[in-house]
Each structure stands twice: as structure tokens, then as C-alpha cells.
Amino acid sequence: MINRKLMDLLEKFAPKEYACSWDNVGLLVGHTDQEIKKVLVALDATSEIVDRAVQEGADMIITHHPMIFSSMKQVNDDGFIGAKILKLIENHISVFAMHTNFDVIGMAALAGECLDFPKDAKPLEITVDLDGKLEGIGRIAKLQKEIKLGEYVQFVKDKLSLEHVLLFGDEDTVIRTVAVSPGSGRSMTELAVQKGADVIITGDIGHHEGLDALDMGLSVIEAGHYGTEYIFIDYVADFLKKETELEVIPVKTGSPYKVL
């Protein structure tokens, strides 16, 4: 499959115009006329993933997070990003990223489904109007019945296959309205409060953001950036297997940190 045709398929699946203005999505490395036969799907194009792609003889890596965010004035092996780019080029491996555009058209609904949100769940942050259907980042919904926060934490761990989460809140607190914002939710806590959430499931909540959330009356289940977004990998891999004849290899590296 020619890269240009694969890009067309991916951009129809997750249109670039739905990405945030600060984002960097699409083909980040590679030739548009390259023949693509084998694809790796991962959350990040880390050195480990690049090496795996080389070992597998892959032609493309599709990731959620862009490998290149900031502008680069030089591409050489003095920096780790430049070194990865050189290795990718030398091994004829393209890199394609679907980040906030996928968050809008896929990740938000997928996270809600994983957590058994009702079908009437709404976007937490509305970013686009798709022919009258409002879409955006995250989901917020009212549960069918009240539940204690401690019990809900265990439910989240089970549904996302997580061994550990961090909890900002009292396990005996009774909750009913739940928000989820996969990835980094530092900027989403105030919005969750405004929309009436009792708890938000997200990642990258630090000490101060956690304290601020509690002061606003919002509990936080910090499930990790990887823990809330790795669902991207199988979802995109399954899409490619269904829509193409490519050999698709989903790769889950796990969280970059360990709880000891």
C-alpha cells in the first residue's frame, strides 16, 4: 500500500482539522510514495519502539503522541530526537501521529465505553461541531446509581487493567457524576467541577493540581498517562486490520514508570 493512500485513510479516520492548534499530527517522518507493508502501532515513538520497528522490518510506526513537538533547527545524532529521526530515515521507516484529532473522534468515546459510561455521555470539553454533533476531549456522565469512591476506584482499575492508581479523595465519598479525560488532565479539573463531576479519571495530576481539585470538591483518580491512553493501540490496530491488508503489530510497552 502506497504511503499516500494509507495517509488518506488515516486522515479520513481522524481528520487533521480536529487537532488542537498547538499539536503536530500527520506524517512526521517519511516519503509519501513509500510502499507500506508492515506497520507498528504504539503510544509513543520511543527509542525502544524505533528499535523494535527496525527489528521487525516495519515500514511505518503509527503513534498517538507526536515524536516531534517543537521546531528543530538541526537533525543530527547529538540529540536523542535527531538520532531517532536519522535511524528511521536510514531504515526507511515512516512515522505518522494521530494525537488530539484522535482524542476528539476516538479516544473520548472509547474511554467512556471502557468505563461503561451510558450512551448519553457528553464531551467534557467541546472542541468541534461535526454537522450538529458536538465532540471534543473526554467524557462526562451520570452513573446509574451512586457508589462509594473506593469501590469505583477498584472498578476503574479492573476496567483499565491497572495494578495501581493514585487517589485524591476520601474512599467513603459517595459519587454519581464521573468525568474521564485520557492522558494529561491537569487543565481539565476546573471544567469537570463546572460541569458537576464528583470525580475525574485522568493522568499527570501533580501535588498542587490534586490539592486544588480537592479544594474545589472534586476527587481525582490518577490512572497515569499511559494507563488512560494505551487503549489507542488496539483500537487503531484493529481498524487497520479491518480496512487494509497490512501486517499490523500492536506494541504495548507499559507505563514508563514503576510503583515500587
C-alpha atoms as a PDB file:
ATOM      1  CA  MET A   1       0.000   0.000   0.000  1.00  0.00           C
ATOM      2  CA  ILE A   2       1.463   3.364  -1.008  1.00  0.00           C
ATOM      3  CA  ASN A   3       2.005   5.653   1.965  1.00  0.00           C
ATOM      4  CA  ARG A   4      -0.076   8.407   0.396  1.00  0.00           C
ATOM      5  CA  LYS A   5      -3.117   6.112   0.274  1.00  0.00           C
ATOM      6  CA  LEU A   6      -2.582   4.984   3.852  1.00  0.00           C
ATOM      7  CA  MET A   7      -2.286   8.615   4.945  1.00  0.00           C
ATOM      8  CA  ASP A   8      -5.550   9.414   3.166  1.00  0.00           C
ATOM      9  CA  LEU A   9      -7.238   6.571   5.037  1.00  0.00           C
ATOM     10  CA  LEU A  10      -5.842   7.674   8.402  1.00  0.00           C
ATOM     11  CA  GLU A  11      -6.683  11.335   7.829  1.00  0.00           C
ATOM     12  CA  LYS A  12     -10.228  10.427   6.847  1.00  0.00           C
ATOM     13  CA  PHE A  13     -10.405   8.355  10.031  1.00  0.00           C
ATOM     14  CA  ALA A  14      -9.004  11.185  12.205  1.00  0.00           C
ATOM     15  CA  PRO A  15      -9.111  14.457  10.237  1.00  0.00           C
ATOM     16  CA  LYS A  16      -6.242  16.861  10.871  1.00  0.00           C
ATOM     17  CA  GLU A  17      -8.592  19.800  11.274  1.00  0.00           C
ATOM     18  CA  TYR A  18      -9.866  18.330  14.547  1.00  0.00           C
ATOM     19  CA  ALA A  19      -6.414  18.591  16.118  1.00  0.00           C
ATOM     20  CA  CYS A  20      -5.634  21.449  18.529  1.00  0.00           C
ATOM     21  CA  SER A  21      -3.742  24.367  17.018  1.00  0.00           C
ATOM     22  CA  TRP A  22      -0.606  23.636  19.088  1.00  0.00           C
ATOM     23  CA  ASP A  23      -0.468  19.986  18.029  1.00  0.00           C
ATOM     24  CA  ASN A  24       1.725  18.287  15.407  1.00  0.00           C
ATOM     25  CA  VAL A  25      -0.072  15.443  13.660  1.00  0.00           C
ATOM     26  CA  GLY A  26       0.184  13.544  10.393  1.00  0.00           C
ATOM     27  CA  LEU A  27       3.296  12.270   8.618  1.00  0.00           C
ATOM     28  CA  LEU A  28       6.271  13.425  10.691  1.00  0.00           C
ATOM     29  CA  VAL A  29       8.978  11.335   9.001  1.00  0.00           C
ATOM     30  CA  GLY A  30       8.991   9.547   5.661  1.00  0.00           C
ATOM     31  CA  HIS A  31       8.190   9.585   1.938  1.00  0.00           C
ATOM     32  CA  THR A  32       4.609   9.847   0.744  1.00  0.00           C
ATOM     33  CA  ASP A  33       5.339   7.454  -2.145  1.00  0.00           C
ATOM     34  CA  GLN A  34       6.882   4.739   0.043  1.00  0.00           C
ATOM     35  CA  GLU A  35       5.448   1.213  -0.172  1.00  0.00           C
ATOM     36  CA  ILE A  36       3.997   0.252   3.222  1.00  0.00           C
ATOM     37  CA  LYS A  37       3.582  -3.430   4.075  1.00  0.00           C
ATOM     38  CA  LYS A  38       4.174  -3.701   7.816  1.00  0.00           C
ATOM     39  CA  VAL A  39       3.059  -1.220  10.497  1.00  0.00           C
ATOM     40  CA  LEU A  40       3.793  -0.918  14.204  1.00  0.00           C
ATOM     41  CA  VAL A  41       1.150   0.789  16.367  1.00  0.00           C
ATOM     42  CA  ALA A  42       2.316   2.274  19.665  1.00  0.00           C
ATOM     43  CA  LEU A  43       1.548   5.118  22.023  1.00  0.00           C
ATOM     44  CA  ASP A  44       4.952   6.793  21.605  1.00  0.00           C
ATOM     45  CA  ALA A  45       7.845   6.550  19.148  1.00  0.00           C
ATOM     46  CA  THR A  46      10.404   5.904  21.875  1.00  0.00           C
ATOM     47  CA  SER A  47      13.888   4.565  21.160  1.00  0.00           C
ATOM     48  CA  GLU A  48      12.570   1.146  22.208  1.00  0.00           C
ATOM     49  CA  ILE A  49       9.754   1.345  19.658  1.00  0.00           C
ATOM     50  CA  VAL A  50      12.068   2.582  16.895  1.00  0.00           C
ATOM     51  CA  ASP A  51      14.472  -0.300  17.586  1.00  0.00           C
ATOM     52  CA  ARG A  52      11.540  -2.743  17.563  1.00  0.00           C
ATOM     53  CA  ALA A  53      10.388  -1.368  14.208  1.00  0.00           C
ATOM     54  CA  VAL A  54      13.884  -1.877  12.791  1.00  0.00           C
ATOM     55  CA  GLN A  55      13.998  -5.450  14.134  1.00  0.00           C
ATOM     56  CA  GLU A  56      10.555  -6.253  12.727  1.00  0.00           C
ATOM     57  CA  GLY A  57      11.340  -4.753   9.331  1.00  0.00           C
ATOM     58  CA  ALA A  58       8.394  -2.365   9.687  1.00  0.00           C
ATOM     59  CA  ASP A  59       7.777   0.362   7.128  1.00  0.00           C
ATOM     60  CA  MET A  60       5.778   2.674   9.385  1.00  0.00           C
ATOM     61  CA  ILE A  61       5.167   3.473  13.041  1.00  0.00           C
ATOM     62  CA  ILE A  62       1.764   4.908  13.893  1.00  0.00           C
ATOM     63  CA  THR A  63       1.635   6.618  17.273  1.00  0.00           C
ATOM     64  CA  HIS A  64      -0.750   8.653  19.351  1.00  0.00           C
ATOM     65  CA  HIS A  65       1.829  11.131  20.647  1.00  0.00           C
ATOM     66  CA  PRO A  66       3.883  13.079  18.087  1.00  0.00           C
ATOM     67  CA  MET A  67       7.593  12.302  18.184  1.00  0.00           C
ATOM     68  CA  ILE A  68       8.336  15.890  17.089  1.00  0.00           C
ATOM     69  CA  PHE A  69       6.557  18.646  19.031  1.00  0.00           C
ATOM     70  CA  SER A  70       8.876  21.642  18.979  1.00  0.00           C
ATOM     71  CA  SER A  71      10.647  23.151  15.995  1.00  0.00           C
ATOM     72  CA  MET A  72      14.052  21.670  15.176  1.00  0.00           C
ATOM     73  CA  LYS A  73      16.936  23.601  13.623  1.00  0.00           C
ATOM     74  CA  GLN A  74      19.238  20.593  13.269  1.00  0.00           C
ATOM     75  CA  VAL A  75      18.786  16.881  12.689  1.00  0.00           C
ATOM     76  CA  ASN A  76      21.892  15.051  13.828  1.00  0.00           C
ATOM     77  CA  ASP A  77      22.930  12.402  16.341  1.00  0.00           C
ATOM     78  CA  ASP A  78      23.890  14.912  19.048  1.00  0.00           C
ATOM     79  CA  GLY A  79      20.291  14.923  20.283  1.00  0.00           C
ATOM     80  CA  PHE A  80      18.102  11.936  21.036  1.00  0.00           C
ATOM     81  CA  ILE A  81      15.255  13.062  18.766  1.00  0.00           C
ATOM     82  CA  GLY A  82      17.628  13.760  15.891  1.00  0.00           C
ATOM     83  CA  ALA A  83      19.269  10.372  16.411  1.00  0.00           C
ATOM     84  CA  LYS A  84      15.875   8.653  16.237  1.00  0.00           C
ATOM     85  CA  ILE A  85      14.958  10.533  13.061  1.00  0.00           C
ATOM     86  CA  LEU A  86      18.241   9.512  11.429  1.00  0.00           C
ATOM     87  CA  LYS A  87      17.711   5.867  12.383  1.00  0.00           C
ATOM     88  CA  LEU A  88      14.174   5.974  10.986  1.00  0.00           C
ATOM     89  CA  ILE A  89      15.327   7.503   7.698  1.00  0.00           C
ATOM     90  CA  GLU A  90      18.272   5.117   7.373  1.00  0.00           C
ATOM     91  CA  ASN A  91      15.889   2.184   7.812  1.00  0.00           C
ATOM     92  CA  HIS A  92      13.153   3.615   5.559  1.00  0.00           C
ATOM     93  CA  ILE A  93      10.602   3.791   8.384  1.00  0.00           C
ATOM     94  CA  SER A  94       7.873   6.448   8.306  1.00  0.00           C
ATOM     95  CA  VAL A  95       6.224   7.893  11.419  1.00  0.00           C
ATOM     96  CA  PHE A  96       2.608   9.033  11.489  1.00  0.00           C
ATOM     97  CA  ALA A  97       0.923  10.591  14.541  1.00  0.00           C
ATOM     98  CA  MET A  98      -2.764  10.947  15.462  1.00  0.00           C
ATOM     99  CA  HIS A  99      -2.962  12.938  18.667  1.00  0.00           C
ATOM    100  CA  THR A 100      -5.662  15.458  19.610  1.00  0.00           C
ATOM    101  CA  ASN A 101      -7.512  14.738  16.366  1.00  0.00           C
ATOM    102  CA  PHE A 102      -7.871  11.134  17.562  1.00  0.00           C
ATOM    103  CA  ASP A 103      -8.748  12.343  21.068  1.00  0.00           C
ATOM    104  CA  VAL A 104     -11.787  14.045  19.551  1.00  0.00           C
ATOM    105  CA  ILE A 105     -13.050  11.351  17.167  1.00  0.00           C
ATOM    106  CA  GLY A 106     -11.949   8.218  19.023  1.00  0.00           C
ATOM    107  CA  MET A 107     -10.304   8.391  22.420  1.00  0.00           C
ATOM    108  CA  ALA A 108     -13.085  10.193  24.281  1.00  0.00           C
ATOM    109  CA  ALA A 109     -15.832   7.769  23.274  1.00  0.00           C
ATOM    110  CA  LEU A 110     -13.508   4.778  23.646  1.00  0.00           C
ATOM    111  CA  ALA A 111     -12.600   5.756  27.215  1.00  0.00           C
ATOM    112  CA  GLY A 112     -16.279   6.142  28.047  1.00  0.00           C
ATOM    113  CA  GLU A 113     -17.038   2.704  26.608  1.00  0.00           C
ATOM    114  CA  CYS A 114     -14.179   1.123  28.562  1.00  0.00           C
ATOM    115  CA  LEU A 115     -15.628   2.547  31.779  1.00  0.00           C
ATOM    116  CA  ASP A 116     -19.223   1.547  30.938  1.00  0.00           C
ATOM    117  CA  PHE A 117     -20.416   5.139  30.633  1.00  0.00           C
ATOM    118  CA  PRO A 118     -24.054   5.393  29.489  1.00  0.00           C
ATOM    119  CA  LYS A 119     -24.654   6.084  25.811  1.00  0.00           C
ATOM    120  CA  ASP A 120     -25.793   9.642  26.563  1.00  0.00           C
ATOM    121  CA  ALA A 121     -22.351  10.616  27.933  1.00  0.00           C
ATOM    122  CA  LYS A 122     -21.310  14.094  26.752  1.00  0.00           C
ATOM    123  CA  PRO A 123     -17.916  15.529  25.777  1.00  0.00           C
ATOM    124  CA  LEU A 124     -16.147  17.049  28.766  1.00  0.00           C
ATOM    125  CA  GLU A 125     -14.628  19.814  26.622  1.00  0.00           C
ATOM    126  CA  ILE A 126     -16.369  20.576  23.332  1.00  0.00           C
ATOM    127  CA  THR A 127     -13.868  21.427  20.588  1.00  0.00           C
ATOM    128  CA  VAL A 128     -15.656  20.747  17.282  1.00  0.00           C
ATOM    129  CA  ASP A 129     -19.126  20.650  15.738  1.00  0.00           C
ATOM    130  CA  LEU A 130     -19.466  17.656  13.421  1.00  0.00           C
ATOM    131  CA  ASP A 131     -22.553  18.527  11.399  1.00  0.00           C
ATOM    132  CA  GLY A 132     -24.513  19.394  14.505  1.00  0.00           C
ATOM    133  CA  LYS A 133     -22.937  16.730  16.708  1.00  0.00           C
ATOM    134  CA  LEU A 134     -20.737  18.301  19.350  1.00  0.00           C
ATOM    135  CA  GLU A 135     -17.497  16.428  20.004  1.00  0.00           C
ATOM    136  CA  GLY A 136     -14.342  17.049  21.978  1.00  0.00           C
ATOM    137  CA  ILE A 137     -11.962  15.949  24.700  1.00  0.00           C
ATOM    138  CA  GLY A 138     -13.050  13.499  27.405  1.00  0.00           C
ATOM    139  CA  ARG A 139     -16.479  12.406  28.566  1.00  0.00           C
ATOM    140  CA  ILE A 140     -18.792  13.178  31.479  1.00  0.00           C
ATOM    141  CA  ALA A 141     -21.777  11.104  32.556  1.00  0.00           C
ATOM    142  CA  LYS A 142     -24.074  10.318  35.424  1.00  0.00           C
ATOM    143  CA  LEU A 143     -23.838   6.752  36.725  1.00  0.00           C
ATOM    144  CA  GLN A 144     -26.985   4.662  37.017  1.00  0.00           C
ATOM    145  CA  LYS A 145     -26.628   4.671  40.777  1.00  0.00           C
ATOM    146  CA  GLU A 146     -24.470   6.211  43.472  1.00  0.00           C
ATOM    147  CA  ILE A 147     -21.325   4.384  44.526  1.00  0.00           C
ATOM    148  CA  LYS A 148     -18.588   4.925  47.079  1.00  0.00           C
ATOM    149  CA  LEU A 149     -15.392   6.344  45.665  1.00  0.00           C
ATOM    150  CA  GLY A 150     -13.313   3.448  46.985  1.00  0.00           C
ATOM    151  CA  GLU A 151     -15.480   0.928  45.141  1.00  0.00           C
ATOM    152  CA  TYR A 152     -15.325   2.992  41.972  1.00  0.00           C
ATOM    153  CA  VAL A 153     -11.530   3.088  42.151  1.00  0.00           C
ATOM    154  CA  GLN A 154     -11.468  -0.708  42.060  1.00  0.00           C
ATOM    155  CA  PHE A 155     -13.900  -0.673  39.133  1.00  0.00           C
ATOM    156  CA  VAL A 156     -11.600   1.676  37.187  1.00  0.00           C
ATOM    157  CA  LYS A 157      -8.567  -0.488  37.935  1.00  0.00           C
ATOM    158  CA  ASP A 158     -10.390  -3.565  36.708  1.00  0.00           C
ATOM    159  CA  LYS A 159     -11.723  -1.935  33.552  1.00  0.00           C
ATOM    160  CA  LEU A 160      -8.377  -0.425  32.541  1.00  0.00           C
ATOM    161  CA  SER A 161      -6.344  -3.451  33.726  1.00  0.00           C
ATOM    162  CA  LEU A 162      -4.281  -1.339  36.126  1.00  0.00           C
ATOM    163  CA  GLU A 163      -2.473  -2.575  39.218  1.00  0.00           C
ATOM    164  CA  HIS A 164      -2.212   0.853  40.802  1.00  0.00           C
ATOM    165  CA  VAL A 165      -3.809   4.293  40.675  1.00  0.00           C
ATOM    166  CA  LEU A 166      -3.397   7.404  42.817  1.00  0.00           C
ATOM    167  CA  LEU A 167      -6.463   8.705  44.614  1.00  0.00           C
ATOM    168  CA  PHE A 168      -7.042  12.296  45.661  1.00  0.00           C
ATOM    169  CA  GLY A 169     -10.151  11.973  47.798  1.00  0.00           C
ATOM    170  CA  ASP A 170     -11.924  10.054  50.559  1.00  0.00           C
ATOM    171  CA  GLU A 171     -12.781   6.439  49.729  1.00  0.00           C
ATOM    172  CA  ASP A 172     -16.082   6.801  51.611  1.00  0.00           C
ATOM    173  CA  THR A 173     -17.238   9.736  49.464  1.00  0.00           C
ATOM    174  CA  VAL A 174     -20.406   8.910  47.546  1.00  0.00           C
ATOM    175  CA  ILE A 175     -20.173   9.789  43.849  1.00  0.00           C
ATOM    176  CA  ARG A 176     -22.656   9.875  40.964  1.00  0.00           C
ATOM    177  CA  THR A 177     -21.297  12.083  38.178  1.00  0.00           C
ATOM    178  CA  VAL A 178     -17.998  10.961  36.641  1.00  0.00           C
ATOM    179  CA  ALA A 179     -15.655  12.554  34.120  1.00  0.00           C
ATOM    180  CA  VAL A 180     -12.783  10.990  32.206  1.00  0.00           C
ATOM    181  CA  SER A 181     -10.033  12.804  30.345  1.00  0.00           C
ATOM    182  CA  PRO A 182      -7.483  10.359  28.909  1.00  0.00           C
ATOM    183  CA  GLY A 183      -3.867  11.486  29.045  1.00  0.00           C
ATOM    184  CA  SER A 184      -2.966  14.656  30.894  1.00  0.00           C
ATOM    185  CA  GLY A 185      -5.902  16.139  32.806  1.00  0.00           C
ATOM    186  CA  ARG A 186      -4.170  18.970  34.642  1.00  0.00           C
ATOM    187  CA  SER A 187      -6.149  21.574  32.747  1.00  0.00           C
ATOM    188  CA  MET A 188      -9.467  19.732  32.959  1.00  0.00           C
ATOM    189  CA  THR A 189     -10.243  19.762  36.684  1.00  0.00           C
ATOM    190  CA  GLU A 190     -11.936  23.178  36.789  1.00  0.00           C
ATOM    191  CA  LEU A 191     -14.063  22.283  33.780  1.00  0.00           C
ATOM    192  CA  ALA A 192     -15.044  18.991  35.425  1.00  0.00           C
ATOM    193  CA  VAL A 193     -16.151  20.924  38.520  1.00  0.00           C
ATOM    194  CA  GLN A 194     -18.124  23.427  36.416  1.00  0.00           C
ATOM    195  CA  LYS A 195     -19.959  20.526  34.751  1.00  0.00           C
ATOM    196  CA  GLY A 196     -20.848  18.924  38.078  1.00  0.00           C
ATOM    197  CA  ALA A 197     -18.442  15.982  38.211  1.00  0.00           C
ATOM    198  CA  ASP A 198     -17.775  14.337  41.557  1.00  0.00           C
ATOM    199  CA  VAL A 199     -14.607  12.630  40.310  1.00  0.00           C
ATOM    200  CA  ILE A 200     -12.366  12.715  37.248  1.00  0.00           C
ATOM    201  CA  ILE A 201     -10.266   9.836  35.901  1.00  0.00           C
ATOM    202  CA  THR A 202      -7.145  11.116  34.175  1.00  0.00           C
ATOM    203  CA  GLY A 203      -3.346  11.209  34.248  1.00  0.00           C
ATOM    204  CA  ASP A 204      -0.497  13.592  35.058  1.00  0.00           C
ATOM    205  CA  ILE A 205      -2.122  15.138  38.122  1.00  0.00           C
ATOM    206  CA  GLY A 206       0.558  16.560  40.365  1.00  0.00           C
ATOM    207  CA  HIS A 207       0.592  17.518  44.044  1.00  0.00           C
ATOM    208  CA  HIS A 208      -0.769  21.030  43.570  1.00  0.00           C
ATOM    209  CA  GLU A 209      -3.399  20.103  40.981  1.00  0.00           C
ATOM    210  CA  GLY A 210      -4.614  17.326  43.269  1.00  0.00           C
ATOM    211  CA  LEU A 211      -4.918  19.668  46.246  1.00  0.00           C
ATOM    212  CA  ASP A 212      -6.669  22.301  44.137  1.00  0.00           C
ATOM    213  CA  ALA A 213      -9.143  19.702  42.868  1.00  0.00           C
ATOM    214  CA  LEU A 214      -9.961  18.620  46.419  1.00  0.00           C
ATOM    215  CA  ASP A 215     -10.479  22.237  47.458  1.00  0.00           C
ATOM    216  CA  MET A 216     -12.973  22.578  44.599  1.00  0.00           C
ATOM    217  CA  GLY A 217     -14.836  19.486  45.786  1.00  0.00           C
ATOM    218  CA  LEU A 218     -13.536  17.194  43.026  1.00  0.00           C
ATOM    219  CA  SER A 219     -11.954  13.806  43.677  1.00  0.00           C
ATOM    220  CA  VAL A 220      -9.306  12.564  41.252  1.00  0.00           C
ATOM    221  CA  ILE A 221      -8.381   9.041  40.183  1.00  0.00           C
ATOM    222  CA  GLU A 222      -4.914   9.470  38.720  1.00  0.00           C
ATOM    223  CA  ALA A 223      -4.592   6.419  36.480  1.00  0.00           C
ATOM    224  CA  GLY A 224      -1.499   7.569  34.608  1.00  0.00           C
ATOM    225  CA  HIS A 225      -0.992   8.997  31.142  1.00  0.00           C
ATOM    226  CA  TYR A 226      -0.222   5.579  29.668  1.00  0.00           C
ATOM    227  CA  GLY A 227      -2.901   3.898  31.762  1.00  0.00           C
ATOM    228  CA  THR A 228      -5.660   6.057  30.300  1.00  0.00           C
ATOM    229  CA  GLU A 229      -4.444   6.126  26.689  1.00  0.00           C
ATOM    230  CA  TYR A 230      -2.979   2.728  25.808  1.00  0.00           C
ATOM    231  CA  ILE A 231      -6.472   1.817  24.563  1.00  0.00           C
ATOM    232  CA  PHE A 232      -5.453   3.719  21.403  1.00  0.00           C
ATOM    233  CA  ILE A 233      -3.125   0.893  20.372  1.00  0.00           C
ATOM    234  CA  ASP A 234      -5.583  -1.966  19.897  1.00  0.00           C
ATOM    235  CA  TYR A 235      -8.283   0.364  18.576  1.00  0.00           C
ATOM    236  CA  VAL A 236      -6.102   1.675  15.736  1.00  0.00           C
ATOM    237  CA  ALA A 237      -4.537  -1.738  15.085  1.00  0.00           C
ATOM    238  CA  ASP A 238      -7.995  -3.312  14.732  1.00  0.00           C
ATOM    239  CA  PHE A 239      -9.074  -0.503  12.393  1.00  0.00           C
ATOM    240  CA  LEU A 240      -6.057  -1.100  10.136  1.00  0.00           C
ATOM    241  CA  LYS A 241      -6.562  -4.861  10.103  1.00  0.00           C
ATOM    242  CA  LYS A 242     -10.168  -4.337   9.056  1.00  0.00           C
ATOM    243  CA  GLU A 243      -9.567  -1.655   6.434  1.00  0.00           C
ATOM    244  CA  THR A 244      -6.265  -2.802   4.880  1.00  0.00           C
ATOM    245  CA  GLU A 245      -4.210  -5.893   4.102  1.00  0.00           C
ATOM    246  CA  LEU A 246      -1.211  -4.566   6.006  1.00  0.00           C
ATOM    247  CA  GLU A 247       0.655  -6.617   8.574  1.00  0.00           C
ATOM    248  CA  VAL A 248      -0.120  -4.769  11.803  1.00  0.00           C
ATOM    249  CA  ILE A 249       1.823  -5.193  15.048  1.00  0.00           C
ATOM    250  CA  PRO A 250       0.357  -3.531  18.169  1.00  0.00           C
ATOM    251  CA  VAL A 251       3.058  -2.877  20.767  1.00  0.00           C
ATOM    252  CA  LYS A 252       2.248  -2.119  24.410  1.00  0.00           C
ATOM    253  CA  THR A 253       5.329  -1.104  26.359  1.00  0.00           C
ATOM    254  CA  GLY A 254       3.520  -0.419  29.625  1.00  0.00           C
ATOM    255  CA  SER A 255       3.879   2.644  31.812  1.00  0.00           C
ATOM    256  CA  PRO A 256       7.333   4.276  31.672  1.00  0.00           C
ATOM    257  CA  TYR A 257       7.498   4.265  35.488  1.00  0.00           C
ATOM    258  CA  LYS A 258       7.054   1.580  38.118  1.00  0.00           C
ATOM    259  CA  VAL A 259       5.409   1.751  41.525  1.00  0.00           C
ATOM    260  CA  LEU A 260       7.818   0.045  43.920  1.00  0.00           C
END
